[in-house]
Amino acid sequence: LREAPAVQWLHALYFVLTVFTTVGFGDMYALDNSEIIFVMMLMLFGAVLQSLIISEVISVLTNVDSARREMEALRGTVHGWAASCQLP
């Protein structure tokens, strides 16, 4: 409480980012204001990178699923055509 309001805000933001990025409060932690700023940037970079990776995985899985659906639709069309032509 003896620090300037800007420093208090910096520490509060560091606390929030540490909790929300689930980094946790381990044995090693930032002490100096410059260290806190650096660690906060790393946490934000990690969160953005992780969200990009997860979105790409979801995109790949969605494309695989849509390709399978298209193949099933094509197979149904072929089976329908074969039935209309009375093919075995």
PDB file of N, CA and C in Angstrom:
ATOM      1  N   LEU A   1       0.814  -1.209   0.000  1.00  0.00           N
ATOM      2  CA  LEU A   1       0.000   0.000   0.000  1.00  0.00           C
ATOM      3  C   LEU A   1       0.850   1.263   0.000  1.00  0.00           C
ATOM      4  N   ARG A   2       2.134   1.090   0.159  1.00  0.00           N
ATOM      5  CA  ARG A   2       3.017   2.253   0.164  1.00  0.00           C
ATOM      6  C   ARG A   2       3.498   2.611  -1.239  1.00  0.00           C
ATOM      7  N   GLU A   3       3.215   1.750  -2.204  1.00  0.00           N
ATOM      8  CA  GLU A   3       3.664   1.983  -3.573  1.00  0.00           C
ATOM      9  C   GLU A   3       2.724   2.965  -4.291  1.00  0.00           C
ATOM     10  N   ALA A   4       3.202   3.466  -5.401  1.00  0.00           N
ATOM     11  CA  ALA A   4       2.403   4.377  -6.226  1.00  0.00           C
ATOM     12  C   ALA A   4       1.238   3.606  -6.859  1.00  0.00           C
ATOM     13  N   PRO A   5       0.162   4.279  -7.208  1.00  0.00           N
ATOM     14  CA  PRO A   5      -0.980   3.589  -7.820  1.00  0.00           C
ATOM     15  C   PRO A   5      -0.615   2.816  -9.094  1.00  0.00           C
ATOM     16  N   ALA A   6       0.294   3.341  -9.899  1.00  0.00           N
ATOM     17  CA  ALA A   6       0.691   2.633 -11.118  1.00  0.00           C
ATOM     18  C   ALA A   6       1.351   1.302 -10.788  1.00  0.00           C
ATOM     19  N   VAL A   7       2.165   1.270  -9.761  1.00  0.00           N
ATOM     20  CA  VAL A   7       2.827   0.028  -9.350  1.00  0.00           C
ATOM     21  C   VAL A   7       1.799  -0.941  -8.776  1.00  0.00           C
ATOM     22  N   GLN A   8       0.835  -0.438  -8.042  1.00  0.00           N
ATOM     23  CA  GLN A   8      -0.218  -1.302  -7.504  1.00  0.00           C
ATOM     24  C   GLN A   8      -1.040  -1.915  -8.639  1.00  0.00           C
ATOM     25  N   TRP A   9      -1.343  -1.119  -9.653  1.00  0.00           N
ATOM     26  CA  TRP A   9      -2.072  -1.636 -10.807  1.00  0.00           C
ATOM     27  C   TRP A   9      -1.243  -2.691 -11.534  1.00  0.00           C
ATOM     28  N   LEU A  10       0.054  -2.464 -11.666  1.00  0.00           N
ATOM     29  CA  LEU A  10       0.940  -3.414 -12.314  1.00  0.00           C
ATOM     30  C   LEU A  10       0.926  -4.752 -11.576  1.00  0.00           C
ATOM     31  N   HIS A  11       1.032  -4.707 -10.260  1.00  0.00           N
ATOM     32  CA  HIS A  11       1.014  -5.942  -9.464  1.00  0.00           C
ATOM     33  C   HIS A  11      -0.358  -6.617  -9.527  1.00  0.00           C
ATOM     34  N   ALA A  12      -1.413  -5.832  -9.557  1.00  0.00           N
ATOM     35  CA  ALA A  12      -2.752  -6.414  -9.669  1.00  0.00           C
ATOM     36  C   ALA A  12      -2.938  -7.104 -11.011  1.00  0.00           C
ATOM     37  N   LEU A  13      -2.483  -6.466 -12.086  1.00  0.00           N
ATOM     38  CA  LEU A  13      -2.581  -7.069 -13.411  1.00  0.00           C
ATOM     39  C   LEU A  13      -1.729  -8.331 -13.505  1.00  0.00           C
ATOM     40  N   TYR A  14      -0.556  -8.308 -12.885  1.00  0.00           N
ATOM     41  CA  TYR A  14       0.303  -9.494 -12.838  1.00  0.00           C
ATOM     42  C   TYR A  14      -0.414 -10.635 -12.118  1.00  0.00           C
ATOM     43  N   PHE A  15      -1.060 -10.334 -11.016  1.00  0.00           N
ATOM     44  CA  PHE A  15      -1.800 -11.346 -10.272  1.00  0.00           C
ATOM     45  C   PHE A  15      -2.924 -11.935 -11.121  1.00  0.00           C
ATOM     46  N   VAL A  16      -3.683 -11.079 -11.790  1.00  0.00           N
ATOM     47  CA  VAL A  16      -4.800 -11.540 -12.613  1.00  0.00           C
ATOM     48  C   VAL A  16      -4.303 -12.412 -13.765  1.00  0.00           C
ATOM     49  N   LEU A  17      -3.262 -11.983 -14.463  1.00  0.00           N
ATOM     50  CA  LEU A  17      -2.726 -12.777 -15.562  1.00  0.00           C
ATOM     51  C   LEU A  17      -2.167 -14.107 -15.076  1.00  0.00           C
ATOM     52  N   THR A  18      -1.527 -14.104 -13.923  1.00  0.00           N
ATOM     53  CA  THR A  18      -0.975 -15.337 -13.376  1.00  0.00           C
ATOM     54  C   THR A  18      -2.082 -16.321 -13.042  1.00  0.00           C
ATOM     55  N   VAL A  19      -3.186 -15.835 -12.536  1.00  0.00           N
ATOM     56  CA  VAL A  19      -4.312 -16.714 -12.200  1.00  0.00           C
ATOM     57  C   VAL A  19      -5.022 -17.180 -13.464  1.00  0.00           C
ATOM     58  N   PHE A  20      -5.325 -16.262 -14.380  1.00  0.00           N
ATOM     59  CA  PHE A  20      -6.110 -16.621 -15.562  1.00  0.00           C
ATOM     60  C   PHE A  20      -5.341 -17.455 -16.581  1.00  0.00           C
ATOM     61  N   THR A  21      -4.033 -17.310 -16.657  1.00  0.00           N
ATOM     62  CA  THR A  21      -3.259 -18.140 -17.575  1.00  0.00           C
ATOM     63  C   THR A  21      -2.822 -19.437 -16.911  1.00  0.00           C
ATOM     64  N   THR A  22      -3.242 -19.666 -15.701  1.00  0.00           N
ATOM     65  CA  THR A  22      -2.946 -20.855 -14.889  1.00  0.00           C
ATOM     66  C   THR A  22      -1.457 -21.154 -14.814  1.00  0.00           C
ATOM     67  N   VAL A  23      -0.646 -20.119 -14.821  1.00  0.00           N
ATOM     68  CA  VAL A  23       0.791 -20.297 -14.635  1.00  0.00           C
ATOM     69  C   VAL A  23       1.053 -20.677 -13.184  1.00  0.00           C
ATOM     70  N   GLY A  24       0.370 -20.029 -12.278  1.00  0.00           N
ATOM     71  CA  GLY A  24       0.505 -20.349 -10.867  1.00  0.00           C
ATOM     72  C   GLY A  24       1.609 -19.558 -10.196  1.00  0.00           C
ATOM     73  N   PHE A  25       1.619 -19.628  -8.894  1.00  0.00           N
ATOM     74  CA  PHE A  25       2.603 -18.929  -8.083  1.00  0.00           C
ATOM     75  C   PHE A  25       3.587 -19.969  -7.556  1.00  0.00           C
ATOM     76  N   GLY A  26       4.624 -20.235  -8.324  1.00  0.00           N
ATOM     77  CA  GLY A  26       5.577 -21.280  -7.976  1.00  0.00           C
ATOM     78  C   GLY A  26       6.727 -20.754  -7.153  1.00  0.00           C
ATOM     79  N   ASP A  27       7.817 -21.498  -7.178  1.00  0.00           N
ATOM     80  CA  ASP A  27       9.018 -21.125  -6.426  1.00  0.00           C
ATOM     81  C   ASP A  27       9.725 -19.931  -7.041  1.00  0.00           C
ATOM     82  N   MET A  28       9.551 -19.738  -8.331  1.00  0.00           N
ATOM     83  CA  MET A  28      10.182 -18.612  -9.013  1.00  0.00           C
ATOM     84  C   MET A  28       9.107 -17.604  -9.388  1.00  0.00           C
ATOM     85  N   TYR A  29       9.352 -16.365  -9.121  1.00  0.00           N
ATOM     86  CA  TYR A  29       8.378 -15.326  -9.446  1.00  0.00           C
ATOM     87  C   TYR A  29       9.103 -14.014  -9.689  1.00  0.00           C
ATOM     88  N   ALA A  30       8.426 -13.111 -10.339  1.00  0.00           N
ATOM     89  CA  ALA A  30       9.006 -11.814 -10.688  1.00  0.00           C
ATOM     90  C   ALA A  30       8.997 -10.896  -9.477  1.00  0.00           C
ATOM     91  N   LEU A  31      10.104 -10.195  -9.282  1.00  0.00           N
ATOM     92  CA  LEU A  31      10.216  -9.272  -8.153  1.00  0.00           C
ATOM     93  C   LEU A  31      10.218  -7.818  -8.594  1.00  0.00           C
ATOM     94  N   ASP A  32      10.984  -7.510  -9.596  1.00  0.00           N
ATOM     95  CA  ASP A  32      11.147  -6.146 -10.068  1.00  0.00           C
ATOM     96  C   ASP A  32      10.046  -5.809 -11.060  1.00  0.00           C
ATOM     97  N   ASN A  33       9.746  -4.522 -11.213  1.00  0.00           N
ATOM     98  CA  ASN A  33       8.693  -4.101 -12.150  1.00  0.00           C
ATOM     99  C   ASN A  33       9.015  -4.502 -13.583  1.00  0.00           C
ATOM    100  N   SER A  34      10.268  -4.408 -13.985  1.00  0.00           N
ATOM    101  CA  SER A  34      10.629  -4.804 -15.339  1.00  0.00           C
ATOM    102  C   SER A  34      10.449  -6.310 -15.527  1.00  0.00           C
ATOM    103  N   GLU A  35      10.752  -7.093 -14.504  1.00  0.00           N
ATOM    104  CA  GLU A  35      10.528  -8.538 -14.581  1.00  0.00           C
ATOM    105  C   GLU A  35       9.035  -8.853 -14.682  1.00  0.00           C
ATOM    106  N   ILE A  36       8.236  -8.134 -13.938  1.00  0.00           N
ATOM    107  CA  ILE A  36       6.789  -8.348 -13.962  1.00  0.00           C
ATOM    108  C   ILE A  36       6.237  -8.049 -15.354  1.00  0.00           C
ATOM    109  N   ILE A  37       6.676  -6.958 -15.963  1.00  0.00           N
ATOM    110  CA  ILE A  37       6.213  -6.601 -17.299  1.00  0.00           C
ATOM    111  C   ILE A  37       6.636  -7.665 -18.305  1.00  0.00           C
ATOM    112  N   PHE A  38       7.882  -8.126 -18.218  1.00  0.00           N
ATOM    113  CA  PHE A  38       8.374  -9.160 -19.128  1.00  0.00           C
ATOM    114  C   PHE A  38       7.575 -10.447 -18.977  1.00  0.00           C
ATOM    115  N   VAL A  39       7.329 -10.868 -17.762  1.00  0.00           N
ATOM    116  CA  VAL A  39       6.586 -12.105 -17.514  1.00  0.00           C
ATOM    117  C   VAL A  39       5.142 -11.966 -17.992  1.00  0.00           C
ATOM    118  N   MET A  40       4.552 -10.792 -17.810  1.00  0.00           N
ATOM    119  CA  MET A  40       3.184 -10.577 -18.280  1.00  0.00           C
ATOM    120  C   MET A  40       3.120 -10.683 -19.804  1.00  0.00           C
ATOM    121  N   MET A  41       4.114 -10.150 -20.492  1.00  0.00           N
ATOM    122  CA  MET A  41       4.139 -10.269 -21.951  1.00  0.00           C
ATOM    123  C   MET A  41       4.294 -11.729 -22.367  1.00  0.00           C
ATOM    124  N   LEU A  42       5.132 -12.465 -21.666  1.00  0.00           N
ATOM    125  CA  LEU A  42       5.286 -13.883 -21.976  1.00  0.00           C
ATOM    126  C   LEU A  42       3.996 -14.650 -21.748  1.00  0.00           C
ATOM    127  N   MET A  43       3.283 -14.345 -20.670  1.00  0.00           N
ATOM    128  CA  MET A  43       2.021 -15.024 -20.401  1.00  0.00           C
ATOM    129  C   MET A  43       0.992 -14.718 -21.491  1.00  0.00           C
ATOM    130  N   LEU A  44       0.906 -13.458 -21.913  1.00  0.00           N
ATOM    131  CA  LEU A  44      -0.022 -13.096 -22.982  1.00  0.00           C
ATOM    132  C   LEU A  44       0.361 -13.767 -24.294  1.00  0.00           C
ATOM    133  N   PHE A  45       1.652 -13.793 -24.612  1.00  0.00           N
ATOM    134  CA  PHE A  45       2.117 -14.464 -25.821  1.00  0.00           C
ATOM    135  C   PHE A  45       1.775 -15.954 -25.772  1.00  0.00           C
ATOM    136  N   GLY A  46       1.986 -16.585 -24.632  1.00  0.00           N
ATOM    137  CA  GLY A  46       1.663 -17.997 -24.488  1.00  0.00           C
ATOM    138  C   GLY A  46       0.181 -18.272 -24.642  1.00  0.00           C
ATOM    139  N   ALA A  47      -0.645 -17.408 -24.084  1.00  0.00           N
ATOM    140  CA  ALA A  47      -2.094 -17.590 -24.196  1.00  0.00           C
ATOM    141  C   ALA A  47      -2.551 -17.445 -25.651  1.00  0.00           C
ATOM    142  N   VAL A  48      -2.002 -16.466 -26.359  1.00  0.00           N
ATOM    143  CA  VAL A  48      -2.360 -16.268 -27.766  1.00  0.00           C
ATOM    144  C   VAL A  48      -1.869 -17.445 -28.607  1.00  0.00           C
ATOM    145  N   LEU A  49      -0.651 -17.887 -28.375  1.00  0.00           N
ATOM    146  CA  LEU A  49      -0.102 -19.014 -29.127  1.00  0.00           C
ATOM    147  C   LEU A  49      -0.911 -20.283 -28.884  1.00  0.00           C
ATOM    148  N   GLN A  50      -1.279 -20.526 -27.644  1.00  0.00           N
ATOM    149  CA  GLN A  50      -2.068 -21.714 -27.332  1.00  0.00           C
ATOM    150  C   GLN A  50      -3.442 -21.650 -28.002  1.00  0.00           C
ATOM    151  N   SER A  51      -4.061 -20.493 -28.012  1.00  0.00           N
ATOM    152  CA  SER A  51      -5.371 -20.384 -28.659  1.00  0.00           C
ATOM    153  C   SER A  51      -5.260 -20.561 -30.171  1.00  0.00           C
ATOM    154  N   LEU A  52      -4.175 -20.095 -30.781  1.00  0.00           N
ATOM    155  CA  LEU A  52      -3.974 -20.311 -32.215  1.00  0.00           C
ATOM    156  C   LEU A  52      -3.791 -21.792 -32.529  1.00  0.00           C
ATOM    157  N   ILE A  53      -3.024 -22.485 -31.713  1.00  0.00           N
ATOM    158  CA  ILE A  53      -2.808 -23.917 -31.935  1.00  0.00           C
ATOM    159  C   ILE A  53      -4.109 -24.680 -31.791  1.00  0.00           C
ATOM    160  N   ILE A  54      -4.876 -24.378 -30.764  1.00  0.00           N
ATOM    161  CA  ILE A  54      -6.140 -25.082 -30.552  1.00  0.00           C
ATOM    162  C   ILE A  54      -7.121 -24.784 -31.677  1.00  0.00           C
ATOM    163  N   SER A  55      -7.157 -23.552 -32.171  1.00  0.00           N
ATOM    164  CA  SER A  55      -8.065 -23.238 -33.276  1.00  0.00           C
ATOM    165  C   SER A  55      -7.665 -23.982 -34.547  1.00  0.00           C
ATOM    166  N   GLU A  56      -6.374 -24.158 -34.781  1.00  0.00           N
ATOM    167  CA  GLU A  56      -5.930 -24.920 -35.949  1.00  0.00           C
ATOM    168  C   GLU A  56      -6.301 -26.394 -35.825  1.00  0.00           C
ATOM    169  N   VAL A  57      -6.174 -26.954 -34.627  1.00  0.00           N
ATOM    170  CA  VAL A  57      -6.563 -28.351 -34.411  1.00  0.00           C
ATOM    171  C   VAL A  57      -8.056 -28.520 -34.656  1.00  0.00           C
ATOM    172  N   ILE A  58      -8.854 -27.598 -34.163  1.00  0.00           N
ATOM    173  CA  ILE A  58     -10.299 -27.660 -34.382  1.00  0.00           C
ATOM    174  C   ILE A  58     -10.614 -27.537 -35.864  1.00  0.00           C
ATOM    175  N   SER A  59      -9.911 -26.671 -36.563  1.00  0.00           N
ATOM    176  CA  SER A  59     -10.125 -26.502 -38.000  1.00  0.00           C
ATOM    177  C   SER A  59      -9.806 -27.786 -38.756  1.00  0.00           C
ATOM    178  N   VAL A  60      -8.709 -28.439 -38.414  1.00  0.00           N
ATOM    179  CA  VAL A  60      -8.336 -29.692 -39.079  1.00  0.00           C
ATOM    180  C   VAL A  60      -9.387 -30.762 -38.814  1.00  0.00           C
ATOM    181  N   LEU A  61      -9.818 -30.886 -37.578  1.00  0.00           N
ATOM    182  CA  LEU A  61     -10.824 -31.892 -37.245  1.00  0.00           C
ATOM    183  C   LEU A  61     -12.150 -31.610 -37.944  1.00  0.00           C
ATOM    184  N   THR A  62     -12.521 -30.358 -38.068  1.00  0.00           N
ATOM    185  CA  THR A  62     -13.760 -30.000 -38.748  1.00  0.00           C
ATOM    186  C   THR A  62     -13.680 -30.335 -40.233  1.00  0.00           C
ATOM    187  N   ASN A  63     -12.525 -30.052 -40.854  1.00  0.00           N
ATOM    188  CA  ASN A  63     -12.362 -30.364 -42.276  1.00  0.00           C
ATOM    189  C   ASN A  63     -12.396 -31.858 -42.526  1.00  0.00           C
ATOM    190  N   VAL A  64     -11.806 -32.638 -41.651  1.00  0.00           N
ATOM    191  CA  VAL A  64     -11.833 -34.097 -41.799  1.00  0.00           C
ATOM    192  C   VAL A  64     -13.267 -34.591 -41.687  1.00  0.00           C
ATOM    193  N   ASP A  65     -14.013 -34.040 -40.740  1.00  0.00           N
ATOM    194  CA  ASP A  65     -15.399 -34.453 -40.543  1.00  0.00           C
ATOM    195  C   ASP A  65     -16.259 -34.066 -41.741  1.00  0.00           C
ATOM    196  N   SER A  66     -16.063 -32.887 -42.314  1.00  0.00           N
ATOM    197  CA  SER A  66     -16.863 -32.475 -43.470  1.00  0.00           C
ATOM    198  C   SER A  66     -16.513 -33.310 -44.702  1.00  0.00           C
ATOM    199  N   ALA A  67     -15.253 -33.698 -44.853  1.00  0.00           N
ATOM    200  CA  ALA A  67     -14.868 -34.560 -45.974  1.00  0.00           C
ATOM    201  C   ALA A  67     -15.537 -35.926 -45.844  1.00  0.00           C
ATOM    202  N   ARG A  68     -15.627 -36.430 -44.621  1.00  0.00           N
ATOM    203  CA  ARG A  68     -16.294 -37.714 -44.414  1.00  0.00           C
ATOM    204  C   ARG A  68     -17.778 -37.608 -44.733  1.00  0.00           C
ATOM    205  N   ARG A  69     -18.400 -36.486 -44.346  1.00  0.00           N
ATOM    206  CA  ARG A  69     -19.816 -36.280 -44.644  1.00  0.00           C
ATOM    207  C   ARG A  69     -20.062 -36.215 -46.147  1.00  0.00           C
ATOM    208  N   GLU A  70     -19.177 -35.540 -46.867  1.00  0.00           N
ATOM    209  CA  GLU A  70     -19.309 -35.469 -48.322  1.00  0.00           C
ATOM    210  C   GLU A  70     -19.170 -36.855 -48.950  1.00  0.00           C
ATOM    211  N   MET A  71     -18.241 -37.652 -48.432  1.00  0.00           N
ATOM    212  CA  MET A  71     -18.056 -39.006 -48.953  1.00  0.00           C
ATOM    213  C   MET A  71     -19.296 -39.861 -48.687  1.00  0.00           C
ATOM    214  N   GLU A  72     -19.895 -39.724 -47.514  1.00  0.00           N
ATOM    215  CA  GLU A  72     -21.115 -40.476 -47.198  1.00  0.00           C
ATOM    216  C   GLU A  72     -22.268 -40.049 -48.104  1.00  0.00           C
ATOM    217  N   ALA A  73     -22.381 -38.756 -48.384  1.00  0.00           N
ATOM    218  CA  ALA A  73     -23.435 -38.267 -49.278  1.00  0.00           C
ATOM    219  C   ALA A  73     -23.232 -38.805 -50.689  1.00  0.00           C
ATOM    220  N   LEU A  74     -22.000 -38.809 -51.157  1.00  0.00           N
ATOM    221  CA  LEU A  74     -21.704 -39.343 -52.481  1.00  0.00           C
ATOM    222  C   LEU A  74     -22.002 -40.841 -52.537  1.00  0.00           C
ATOM    223  N   ARG A  75     -21.646 -41.554 -51.480  1.00  0.00           N
ATOM    224  CA  ARG A  75     -21.924 -42.989 -51.420  1.00  0.00           C
ATOM    225  C   ARG A  75     -23.431 -43.244 -51.456  1.00  0.00           C
ATOM    226  N   GLY A  76     -24.209 -42.422 -50.753  1.00  0.00           N
ATOM    227  CA  GLY A  76     -25.666 -42.558 -50.774  1.00  0.00           C
ATOM    228  C   GLY A  76     -26.237 -42.301 -52.152  1.00  0.00           C
ATOM    229  N   THR A  77     -25.678 -41.313 -52.854  1.00  0.00           N
ATOM    230  CA  THR A  77     -26.126 -41.012 -54.211  1.00  0.00           C
ATOM    231  C   THR A  77     -25.851 -42.181 -55.151  1.00  0.00           C
ATOM    232  N   VAL A  78     -24.675 -42.766 -55.026  1.00  0.00           N
ATOM    233  CA  VAL A  78     -24.315 -43.907 -55.872  1.00  0.00           C
ATOM    234  C   VAL A  78     -25.213 -45.099 -55.570  1.00  0.00           C
ATOM    235  N   HIS A  79     -25.464 -45.360 -54.289  1.00  0.00           N
ATOM    236  CA  HIS A  79     -26.353 -46.464 -53.922  1.00  0.00           C
ATOM    237  C   HIS A  79     -27.774 -46.231 -54.441  1.00  0.00           C
ATOM    238  N   GLY A  80     -28.241 -44.995 -54.383  1.00  0.00           N
ATOM    239  CA  GLY A  80     -29.573 -44.660 -54.910  1.00  0.00           C
ATOM    240  C   GLY A  80     -29.650 -44.860 -56.422  1.00  0.00           C
ATOM    241  N   TRP A  81     -28.597 -44.417 -57.116  1.00  0.00           N
ATOM    242  CA  TRP A  81     -28.548 -44.609 -58.565  1.00  0.00           C
ATOM    243  C   TRP A  81     -28.522 -46.095 -58.909  1.00  0.00           C
ATOM    244  N   ALA A  82     -27.713 -46.868 -58.160  1.00  0.00           N
ATOM    245  CA  ALA A  82     -27.618 -48.300 -58.421  1.00  0.00           C
ATOM    246  C   ALA A  82     -28.968 -48.984 -58.168  1.00  0.00           C
ATOM    247  N   ALA A  83     -29.692 -48.549 -57.152  1.00  0.00           N
ATOM    248  CA  ALA A  83     -31.008 -49.138 -56.864  1.00  0.00           C
ATOM    249  C   ALA A  83     -32.011 -48.775 -57.954  1.00  0.00           C
ATOM    250  N   SER A  84     -31.947 -47.529 -58.457  1.00  0.00           N
ATOM    251  CA  SER A  84     -32.891 -47.129 -59.516  1.00  0.00           C
ATOM    252  C   SER A  84     -32.622 -47.844 -60.822  1.00  0.00           C
ATOM    253  N   CYS A  85     -31.370 -48.228 -61.056  1.00  0.00           N
ATOM    254  CA  CYS A  85     -31.030 -48.985 -62.264  1.00  0.00           C
ATOM    255  C   CYS A  85     -31.128 -50.487 -62.029  1.00  0.00           C
ATOM    256  N   GLN A  86     -31.517 -50.877 -60.852  1.00  0.00           N
ATOM    257  CA  GLN A  86     -31.650 -52.274 -60.436  1.00  0.00           C
ATOM    258  C   GLN A  86     -30.351 -53.039 -60.614  1.00  0.00           C
ATOM    259  N   LEU A  87     -29.257 -52.393 -60.208  1.00  0.00           N
ATOM    260  CA  LEU A  87     -27.947 -53.029 -60.209  1.00  0.00           C
ATOM    261  C   LEU A  87     -27.773 -53.794 -58.889  1.00  0.00           C
ATOM    262  N   PRO A  88     -27.004 -54.867 -58.907  1.00  0.00           N
ATOM    263  CA  PRO A  88     -26.806 -55.628 -57.655  1.00  0.00           C
ATOM    264  C   PRO A  88     -25.988 -54.884 -56.640  1.00  0.00           C
TER     265      PRO A  88
END
